[in-house]
Amino acid sequence: MSNTVKVQPDLKFVKELQAVGGDSLKKCYQCATCSVVCPLSPDDNPYPRKEMVWAQWGLKDRLVNDIDIWLCHNCGTCSDLCPRGAKPGDMLSALRNMAYRNLAPLPIIGKLMSSSAGMLPLAAVPALLYGIIWVIMAGKLGSALPTFEWNEAAHAWNPVADGIIVFGGLFPGDFTIDPIFILVFAFMLWGFYAGVRNMLKAFDGQPKTFIVGRKEEPCFCAALIDTVKYEILQHTQFNDCNDDTSDELDVKRAGGHKMLMFAFIALMVVTGVVASGHWGGWLFRTLGMHGLGDILSAIGHTPMPIYHPIKLLAFLGAGLGVYGLVALTKRRVNLDQAKQSSNWYDWYLITLIWTIFLTGIGAFIFRVMGVALLAYPVYYIHLIAVFMMLAYLPWSKLGHLVYRTVALSYAKKIGRIPMGADK
């Protein structure tokens, strides 16, 4: 006699899943079209049909520990061809949205991140922080919109009546920018560390995949390097999502993602050079090596002239970012809502990144034009947006940069998907 299996559906989980993007779940009648047409789904135990079954039955434990929700790149093919309009792609996206809320510690942040109402308290943290700094510095400098001139002997900016706009004069990097963002970065790393640990712990409980004729199982580090080389730098999974029937916006989606990624890499390099030059110069001067210290300080000195190589790299990063955002936003706006929907997580991320790039570009333009009345407020908004992106990253959709990378690497390690060179 076969063993009896008792299924205990979690109806609350089903309602939560519908609330974060899986609202068409009940339309599915298990025809398996989604698994057949998916260009990424493995032949053995494919997705997303099984996820649709589990979701309808309310099998939360199976779904939250399912590695396949991270292998989907949301191309929408399954949703486009679903005869019932059940939108399986949206359901997998909704599962990832739930994971962002619960993988990392401090689930209150994930809960606040899940709706527009929660944005006010989250945005209030950096807004109040930098607002207080602005008020204190305005009192110290004698103006809320100060201008400065460089004091070479003191290596500092002195406030003057007819000087230039210097964001580091009003928000000193040594005391307000760098220490705060170092703490924010550490907080983000802690969130990702705990989230990834929880993810891998859940994956370890899953059945392992064995491939006949496969070489010995790669170590996780090798799988991670392979994922970075192929899935991240080359965006092979995004490219594999497209076929001869894909429209222009879907084809440009991979390019948009790639350009936005390179934009962030370029801007990270810019930030790293400025920080290294500034603090490296300070360190060497403190050690008595004034010549080397002055050279490093000159490299990282801001504001930089327009022709400076690092400034040119910043321009390139801004251009790539805007190009990528235009491609992704255009596709998102033109989605057929009857087949594939956009949710709060999608629009929050796009809006936040647009805010970062537009305020960064706007602050530069207004600074060069000498319009302090606009330059400082725009820079203030830029600080808030960057703070929100970094501090809440493990709980936002952008967290897939880490979670999906880990999941793809683990899937390669156990043989769920092939290594990039074996495709």
Protein backbone atom coordinates (compact mmCIF):
# COMPACT_ATOMS: atom_id res chain seq x y z
CA MET A 1 0.00 0.00 0.00
CA SER A 2 1.34 3.44 -0.88
CA ASN A 3 2.08 5.97 1.82
CA THR A 4 -0.50 8.67 2.44
CA VAL A 5 0.68 12.19 1.78
CA LYS A 6 -1.15 14.92 3.65
CA VAL A 7 -1.23 18.29 1.89
CA GLN A 8 -1.73 21.33 4.11
CA PRO A 9 -2.26 24.37 1.89
CA ASP A 10 -1.33 27.78 3.23
CA LEU A 11 -4.21 29.99 2.07
CA LYS A 12 -2.65 33.11 3.57
CA PHE A 13 0.43 32.48 1.44
CA VAL A 14 -1.72 32.21 -1.71
CA LYS A 15 -3.33 35.57 -0.94
CA GLU A 16 0.05 37.18 -0.30
CA LEU A 17 1.35 35.75 -3.56
CA GLN A 18 -1.59 37.20 -5.46
CA ALA A 19 -1.03 40.57 -3.78
CA VAL A 20 2.60 40.86 -4.95
CA GLY A 21 1.94 40.01 -8.61
CA GLY A 22 0.46 36.51 -8.87
CA ASP A 23 -3.15 37.67 -9.21
CA SER A 24 -3.89 35.50 -12.30
CA LEU A 25 -2.78 32.28 -10.60
CA LYS A 26 -6.23 30.65 -10.43
CA LYS A 27 -6.68 30.79 -14.21
CA CYS A 28 -4.09 28.06 -14.74
CA TYR A 29 -5.53 24.64 -15.75
CA GLN A 30 -2.19 22.81 -16.03
CA CYS A 31 -1.83 22.45 -19.79
CA ALA A 32 2.00 22.70 -19.43
CA THR A 33 2.35 25.12 -22.35
CA CYS A 34 4.51 27.37 -20.18
CA SER A 35 7.12 24.69 -19.51
CA VAL A 36 7.18 23.61 -23.15
CA VAL A 37 7.77 27.07 -24.63
CA CYS A 38 10.24 28.38 -22.02
CA PRO A 39 13.65 28.74 -23.72
CA LEU A 40 15.53 28.39 -20.43
CA SER A 41 13.66 25.63 -18.58
CA PRO A 42 15.62 22.34 -18.28
CA ASP A 43 14.15 19.24 -19.95
CA ASP A 44 14.27 17.36 -16.66
CA ASN A 45 11.66 18.57 -14.16
CA PRO A 46 10.95 21.83 -16.06
CA TYR A 47 9.40 25.03 -14.75
CA PRO A 48 7.07 26.91 -14.34
CA ARG A 49 4.24 24.36 -14.50
CA LYS A 50 5.19 22.66 -11.25
CA GLU A 51 5.43 26.08 -9.54
CA MET A 52 1.90 26.89 -10.74
CA VAL A 53 0.64 23.65 -9.19
CA TRP A 54 2.41 24.30 -5.90
CA ALA A 55 1.16 27.87 -5.80
CA GLN A 56 -2.46 26.82 -6.43
CA TRP A 57 -2.16 24.27 -3.66
CA GLY A 58 -0.57 26.78 -1.29
CA LEU A 59 2.63 24.74 -0.84
CA LYS A 60 4.70 27.57 0.59
CA ASP A 61 7.64 25.45 1.77
CA ARG A 62 8.21 24.03 -1.69
CA LEU A 63 8.04 27.41 -3.41
CA VAL A 64 10.14 29.55 -1.09
CA ASN A 65 12.94 26.96 -1.28
CA ASP A 66 12.64 26.46 -5.05
CA ILE A 67 15.82 27.34 -6.96
CA ASP A 68 13.95 27.52 -10.27
CA ILE A 69 12.25 30.83 -9.44
CA TRP A 70 15.70 32.43 -9.78
CA LEU A 71 16.56 30.70 -13.06
CA CYS A 72 13.66 32.46 -14.82
CA HIS A 73 14.67 35.76 -16.47
CA ASN A 74 11.06 36.91 -16.99
CA CYS A 75 11.13 37.14 -20.79
CA GLY A 76 7.37 36.66 -20.79
CA THR A 77 7.20 33.91 -23.44
CA CYS A 78 5.24 31.60 -21.15
CA SER A 79 2.74 34.35 -20.34
CA ASP A 80 2.40 35.39 -23.99
CA LEU A 81 1.47 31.84 -25.08
CA CYS A 82 -0.62 30.82 -22.07
CA PRO A 83 -4.09 29.96 -23.44
CA ARG A 84 -5.78 30.99 -20.20
CA GLY A 85 -3.91 34.22 -19.44
CA ALA A 86 -2.60 32.79 -16.17
CA LYS A 87 0.67 34.74 -16.54
CA PRO A 88 3.13 32.16 -15.15
CA GLY A 89 5.96 34.63 -15.68
CA ASP A 90 4.22 37.07 -13.33
CA MET A 91 3.78 34.30 -10.77
CA LEU A 92 7.52 33.54 -10.75
CA SER A 93 8.22 37.26 -10.49
CA ALA A 94 5.79 37.45 -7.55
CA LEU A 95 7.65 34.59 -5.84
CA ARG A 96 10.91 36.50 -6.20
CA ASN A 97 9.21 39.58 -4.77
CA MET A 98 8.20 37.54 -1.74
CA ALA A 99 11.76 36.26 -1.43
CA TYR A 100 13.14 39.82 -1.36
CA ARG A 101 10.88 40.50 1.61
CA ASN A 102 11.87 37.44 3.61
CA LEU A 103 15.38 36.26 2.72
CA ALA A 104 17.29 39.04 4.47
CA PRO A 105 16.90 39.86 8.18
CA LEU A 106 14.73 42.73 9.46
CA PRO A 107 11.60 41.68 7.53
CA ILE A 108 10.01 45.01 8.50
CA ILE A 109 12.14 46.61 5.79
CA GLY A 110 10.92 44.06 3.26
CA LYS A 111 7.33 44.75 4.27
CA LEU A 112 7.80 48.51 3.88
CA MET A 113 9.48 47.95 0.51
CA SER A 114 6.44 46.09 -0.79
CA SER A 115 4.16 49.12 -1.21
CA SER A 116 4.22 52.83 -1.95
CA ALA A 117 2.92 53.57 1.56
CA GLY A 118 6.08 52.10 3.05
CA MET A 119 8.35 54.41 1.07
CA LEU A 120 7.69 57.43 3.29
CA PRO A 121 9.36 56.07 6.45
CA LEU A 122 12.18 54.51 4.41
CA ALA A 123 12.87 57.75 2.53
CA ALA A 124 12.51 59.76 5.73
CA VAL A 125 15.66 58.18 7.19
CA PRO A 126 18.15 59.66 4.68
CA ALA A 127 16.01 62.78 4.12
CA LEU A 128 16.13 63.70 7.82
CA LEU A 129 19.76 62.69 8.15
CA TYR A 130 21.02 64.86 5.31
CA GLY A 131 18.49 67.57 6.12
CA ILE A 132 19.96 67.91 9.60
CA ILE A 133 23.48 67.98 8.14
CA TRP A 134 22.40 70.72 5.69
CA VAL A 135 20.95 72.84 8.50
CA ILE A 136 24.05 72.42 10.69
CA MET A 137 26.45 73.25 7.86
CA ALA A 138 24.33 76.21 6.75
CA GLY A 139 24.60 77.64 10.23
CA LYS A 140 28.35 77.06 10.28
CA LEU A 141 28.95 78.53 6.81
CA GLY A 142 26.47 81.35 7.13
CA SER A 143 24.49 80.30 4.06
CA ALA A 144 22.25 77.42 2.98
CA LEU A 145 23.54 77.86 -0.59
CA PRO A 146 27.25 78.59 -0.10
CA THR A 147 30.02 79.05 -2.66
CA PHE A 148 33.69 78.30 -2.07
CA GLU A 149 37.30 78.73 -3.09
CA TRP A 150 40.12 76.20 -2.63
CA ASN A 151 42.68 76.78 0.12
CA GLU A 152 45.78 74.91 -1.06
CA ALA A 153 47.68 75.30 2.21
CA ALA A 154 44.86 73.83 4.29
CA HIS A 155 43.67 71.38 1.63
CA ALA A 156 40.14 72.58 2.27
CA TRP A 157 37.32 74.65 0.76
CA ASN A 158 36.77 78.09 2.28
CA PRO A 159 33.36 79.79 1.93
CA VAL A 160 33.45 83.04 -0.05
CA ALA A 161 30.77 85.30 -1.46
CA ASP A 162 31.58 84.90 -5.16
CA GLY A 163 33.10 81.43 -5.39
CA ILE A 164 32.02 78.19 -7.03
CA ILE A 165 29.46 75.59 -6.03
CA VAL A 166 31.09 72.68 -4.20
CA PHE A 167 28.88 69.89 -2.92
CA GLY A 168 31.68 68.66 -0.66
CA GLY A 169 31.74 72.07 0.99
CA LEU A 170 28.13 71.84 2.14
CA PHE A 171 28.19 68.07 2.71
CA PRO A 172 31.83 67.40 3.75
CA GLY A 173 32.90 63.98 2.55
CA ASP A 174 35.16 63.33 5.53
CA PHE A 175 32.39 63.78 8.08
CA THR A 176 29.04 63.25 6.31
CA ILE A 177 29.35 61.40 3.00
CA ASP A 178 32.05 58.76 3.43
CA PRO A 179 31.35 57.64 7.03
CA ILE A 180 27.60 57.38 6.42
CA PHE A 181 27.93 55.44 3.19
CA ILE A 182 30.58 53.15 4.68
CA LEU A 183 28.07 52.23 7.38
CA VAL A 184 25.30 51.88 4.78
CA PHE A 185 27.52 49.62 2.68
CA ALA A 186 28.36 47.48 5.71
CA PHE A 187 24.64 47.24 6.54
CA MET A 188 23.92 46.15 2.95
CA LEU A 189 26.65 43.48 3.07
CA TRP A 190 25.27 42.15 6.35
CA GLY A 191 21.79 41.93 4.80
CA PHE A 192 23.08 40.07 1.76
CA TYR A 193 25.25 37.77 3.87
CA ALA A 194 22.26 36.68 5.94
CA GLY A 195 20.01 36.47 2.86
CA VAL A 196 22.44 34.35 0.86
CA ARG A 197 23.06 32.11 3.86
CA ASN A 198 19.31 31.51 4.19
CA MET A 199 19.03 30.88 0.46
CA LEU A 200 21.82 28.29 0.35
CA LYS A 201 20.48 26.58 3.44
CA ALA A 202 17.11 26.20 1.70
CA PHE A 203 18.75 24.93 -1.51
CA ASP A 204 20.69 22.25 0.37
CA GLY A 205 17.42 20.56 1.24
CA GLN A 206 16.52 20.08 -2.42
CA PRO A 207 17.20 16.95 -4.52
CA LYS A 208 20.49 17.09 -6.38
CA THR A 209 20.63 16.70 -10.14
CA PHE A 210 22.90 14.07 -11.65
CA ILE A 211 23.84 14.23 -15.33
CA VAL A 212 25.03 11.10 -17.12
CA GLY A 213 28.45 11.66 -18.66
CA ARG A 214 29.08 14.83 -16.71
CA LYS A 215 32.53 15.55 -15.43
CA GLU A 216 33.04 15.79 -11.69
CA GLU A 217 30.96 18.39 -9.91
CA PRO A 218 32.58 21.85 -10.02
CA CYS A 219 33.25 23.70 -6.80
CA PHE A 220 31.00 26.64 -6.00
CA CYS A 221 33.80 29.13 -6.71
CA ALA A 222 34.27 27.73 -10.23
CA ALA A 223 30.52 27.87 -10.83
CA LEU A 224 30.45 31.46 -9.57
CA ILE A 225 33.26 32.51 -11.90
CA ASP A 226 31.46 30.81 -14.80
CA THR A 227 28.24 32.66 -13.93
CA VAL A 228 29.98 36.02 -13.82
CA LYS A 229 31.71 35.33 -17.13
CA TYR A 230 28.64 34.18 -19.05
CA GLU A 231 25.40 35.16 -17.35
CA ILE A 232 26.52 38.53 -15.99
CA LEU A 233 29.14 39.99 -18.32
CA GLN A 234 27.72 38.44 -21.51
CA HIS A 235 24.05 38.24 -20.45
CA THR A 236 23.71 34.84 -22.14
CA GLN A 237 20.47 33.96 -20.32
CA PHE A 238 18.82 37.19 -21.46
CA ASN A 239 19.95 36.52 -25.02
CA ASP A 240 18.68 32.93 -24.86
CA CYS A 241 15.24 34.28 -23.92
CA ASN A 242 14.91 35.79 -27.40
CA ASP A 243 14.00 33.92 -30.58
CA ASP A 244 12.87 34.74 -34.11
CA THR A 245 9.43 35.76 -32.85
CA SER A 246 10.71 38.23 -30.23
CA ASP A 247 9.81 41.84 -30.87
CA GLU A 248 12.30 44.71 -30.96
CA LEU A 249 11.67 45.76 -27.35
CA ASP A 250 12.38 42.23 -26.07
CA VAL A 251 15.61 42.08 -28.07
CA LYS A 252 16.71 45.46 -26.71
CA ARG A 253 15.94 44.31 -23.15
CA ALA A 254 19.19 42.35 -22.92
CA GLY A 255 21.14 45.32 -24.28
CA GLY A 256 19.44 47.67 -21.86
CA HIS A 257 20.31 45.49 -18.90
CA LYS A 258 23.89 45.16 -20.08
CA MET A 259 24.37 48.90 -20.65
CA LEU A 260 22.91 49.68 -17.23
CA MET A 261 25.27 47.15 -15.65
CA PHE A 262 28.31 48.69 -17.35
CA ALA A 263 27.07 52.13 -16.31
CA PHE A 264 27.10 51.12 -12.65
CA ILE A 265 30.54 49.52 -13.05
CA ALA A 266 31.91 52.75 -14.57
CA LEU A 267 30.41 54.88 -11.80
CA MET A 268 31.74 52.50 -9.15
CA VAL A 269 35.22 52.95 -10.61
CA VAL A 270 34.78 56.73 -10.53
CA THR A 271 33.66 56.64 -6.90
CA GLY A 272 36.50 54.29 -5.99
CA VAL A 273 39.16 56.50 -7.60
CA VAL A 274 37.84 59.64 -5.90
CA ALA A 275 37.65 57.95 -2.48
CA SER A 276 41.05 56.26 -2.86
CA GLY A 277 42.69 59.47 -3.99
CA HIS A 278 41.21 61.51 -1.19
CA TRP A 279 41.83 59.10 1.68
CA GLY A 280 45.07 57.78 0.22
CA GLY A 281 46.40 61.33 -0.02
CA TRP A 282 45.40 61.98 3.58
CA LEU A 283 47.07 58.76 4.74
CA PHE A 284 50.39 59.40 3.00
CA ARG A 285 50.54 63.01 4.19
CA THR A 286 49.85 61.79 7.73
CA LEU A 287 52.77 59.37 7.35
CA GLY A 288 54.99 62.24 6.24
CA MET A 289 55.06 61.25 2.54
CA HIS A 290 53.73 64.61 1.34
CA GLY A 291 54.79 64.26 -2.30
CA LEU A 292 52.94 61.00 -2.90
CA GLY A 293 50.06 62.21 -0.76
CA ASP A 294 49.66 65.36 -2.85
CA ILE A 295 49.68 63.32 -6.07
CA LEU A 296 46.94 61.01 -4.82
CA SER A 297 44.90 63.95 -3.53
CA ALA A 298 45.17 65.63 -6.92
CA ILE A 299 43.86 62.47 -8.62
CA GLY A 300 40.80 62.32 -6.37
CA HIS A 301 40.28 66.06 -5.98
CA THR A 302 36.71 67.23 -6.71
CA PRO A 303 35.09 68.95 -8.44
CA MET A 304 37.13 67.68 -11.38
CA PRO A 305 37.59 69.60 -14.63
CA ILE A 306 35.42 68.35 -17.50
CA TYR A 307 38.41 67.02 -19.44
CA HIS A 308 39.67 64.89 -16.51
CA PRO A 309 39.76 61.14 -17.50
CA ILE A 310 37.77 60.16 -14.43
CA LYS A 311 35.16 62.82 -15.20
CA LEU A 312 34.96 61.52 -18.78
CA LEU A 313 34.40 58.01 -17.41
CA ALA A 314 31.58 59.43 -15.28
CA PHE A 315 30.03 60.96 -18.40
CA LEU A 316 30.30 57.61 -20.17
CA GLY A 317 28.63 55.86 -17.22
CA ALA A 318 25.82 58.41 -17.18
CA GLY A 319 25.26 57.99 -20.91
CA LEU A 320 25.19 54.20 -20.72
CA GLY A 321 22.82 54.37 -17.78
CA VAL A 322 20.34 56.64 -19.53
CA TYR A 323 20.46 54.46 -22.67
CA GLY A 324 19.77 51.33 -20.64
CA LEU A 325 16.98 52.99 -18.67
CA VAL A 326 15.27 54.22 -21.83
CA ALA A 327 15.30 50.69 -23.30
CA LEU A 328 13.98 49.06 -20.13
CA THR A 329 11.37 51.73 -19.43
CA LYS A 330 10.10 51.68 -23.00
CA ARG A 331 9.63 47.91 -22.84
CA ARG A 332 7.94 48.11 -19.46
CA VAL A 333 5.51 50.81 -20.63
CA ASN A 334 4.60 48.88 -23.80
CA LEU A 335 3.93 45.54 -22.13
CA ASP A 336 0.59 43.95 -22.99
CA GLN A 337 -0.97 43.95 -19.52
CA ALA A 338 -3.28 41.12 -20.51
CA LYS A 339 -0.25 38.85 -20.93
CA GLN A 340 2.45 40.30 -18.69
CA SER A 341 2.03 42.84 -15.90
CA SER A 342 4.22 45.31 -14.07
CA ASN A 343 4.03 45.55 -10.29
CA TRP A 344 5.18 47.91 -7.58
CA TYR A 345 8.64 46.35 -7.36
CA ASP A 346 9.24 46.92 -11.08
CA TRP A 347 8.24 50.58 -11.08
CA TYR A 348 9.94 51.38 -7.78
CA LEU A 349 13.28 50.12 -9.08
CA ILE A 350 13.02 51.91 -12.43
CA THR A 351 11.92 55.14 -10.76
CA LEU A 352 14.69 55.00 -8.17
CA ILE A 353 17.43 54.40 -10.78
CA TRP A 354 16.01 57.16 -13.00
CA THR A 355 16.10 59.46 -9.98
CA ILE A 356 19.75 58.61 -9.27
CA PHE A 357 20.89 59.24 -12.84
CA LEU A 358 18.78 62.34 -13.50
CA THR A 359 19.67 64.03 -10.20
CA GLY A 360 23.36 63.15 -10.72
CA ILE A 361 23.32 64.69 -14.20
CA GLY A 362 21.16 67.61 -13.07
CA ALA A 363 23.38 68.42 -10.09
CA PHE A 364 26.41 68.53 -12.39
CA ILE A 365 24.69 70.79 -14.93
CA PHE A 366 23.40 73.23 -12.30
CA ARG A 367 26.81 73.29 -10.59
CA VAL A 368 28.59 74.17 -13.83
CA MET A 369 25.94 76.83 -14.56
CA GLY A 370 26.43 78.25 -11.05
CA VAL A 371 22.75 77.93 -10.09
CA ALA A 372 23.10 77.13 -6.38
CA LEU A 373 19.35 77.39 -5.80
CA LEU A 374 18.87 74.28 -7.93
CA ALA A 375 22.24 72.53 -7.62
CA TYR A 376 22.16 71.89 -3.87
CA PRO A 377 18.52 70.67 -3.63
CA VAL A 378 19.02 68.34 -6.60
CA TYR A 379 22.21 66.98 -5.02
CA TYR A 380 20.32 66.51 -1.74
CA ILE A 381 17.72 64.36 -3.56
CA HIS A 382 20.57 62.47 -5.23
CA LEU A 383 22.03 61.59 -1.82
CA ILE A 384 18.64 60.34 -0.61
CA ALA A 385 18.17 58.16 -3.70
CA VAL A 386 21.67 56.63 -3.53
CA PHE A 387 21.20 55.96 0.20
CA MET A 388 17.90 54.18 -0.49
CA MET A 389 19.35 52.08 -3.29
CA LEU A 390 22.29 50.86 -1.18
CA ALA A 391 20.71 50.57 2.27
CA TYR A 392 17.61 48.67 1.13
CA LEU A 393 19.24 46.69 -1.69
CA PRO A 394 18.87 43.21 -0.08
CA TRP A 395 15.09 43.78 0.18
CA SER A 396 14.51 45.30 -3.27
CA LYS A 397 14.19 43.86 -6.76
CA LEU A 398 17.74 45.00 -7.48
CA GLY A 399 18.79 42.42 -4.91
CA HIS A 400 18.54 39.85 -7.72
CA LEU A 401 22.05 40.98 -8.68
CA VAL A 402 23.27 38.93 -5.73
CA TYR A 403 20.51 36.37 -5.18
CA ARG A 404 20.18 35.32 -8.82
CA THR A 405 23.97 35.14 -9.20
CA VAL A 406 24.18 32.82 -6.20
CA ALA A 407 21.25 30.71 -7.43
CA LEU A 408 22.69 30.34 -10.94
CA SER A 409 26.06 29.37 -9.48
CA TYR A 410 24.48 26.79 -7.19
CA ALA A 411 22.39 25.42 -10.08
CA LYS A 412 25.56 24.93 -12.11
CA LYS A 413 27.28 23.27 -9.19
CA ILE A 414 24.56 20.62 -8.77
CA GLY A 415 24.04 20.22 -12.53
CA ARG A 416 20.59 21.79 -12.72
CA ILE A 417 21.87 23.95 -15.58
CA PRO A 418 25.08 23.45 -17.59
CA MET A 419 28.25 25.45 -17.17
CA GLY A 420 28.51 28.24 -19.73
CA ALA A 421 31.16 26.51 -21.80
CA ASP A 422 29.06 23.33 -22.00
CA LYS A 423 25.98 24.92 -23.58
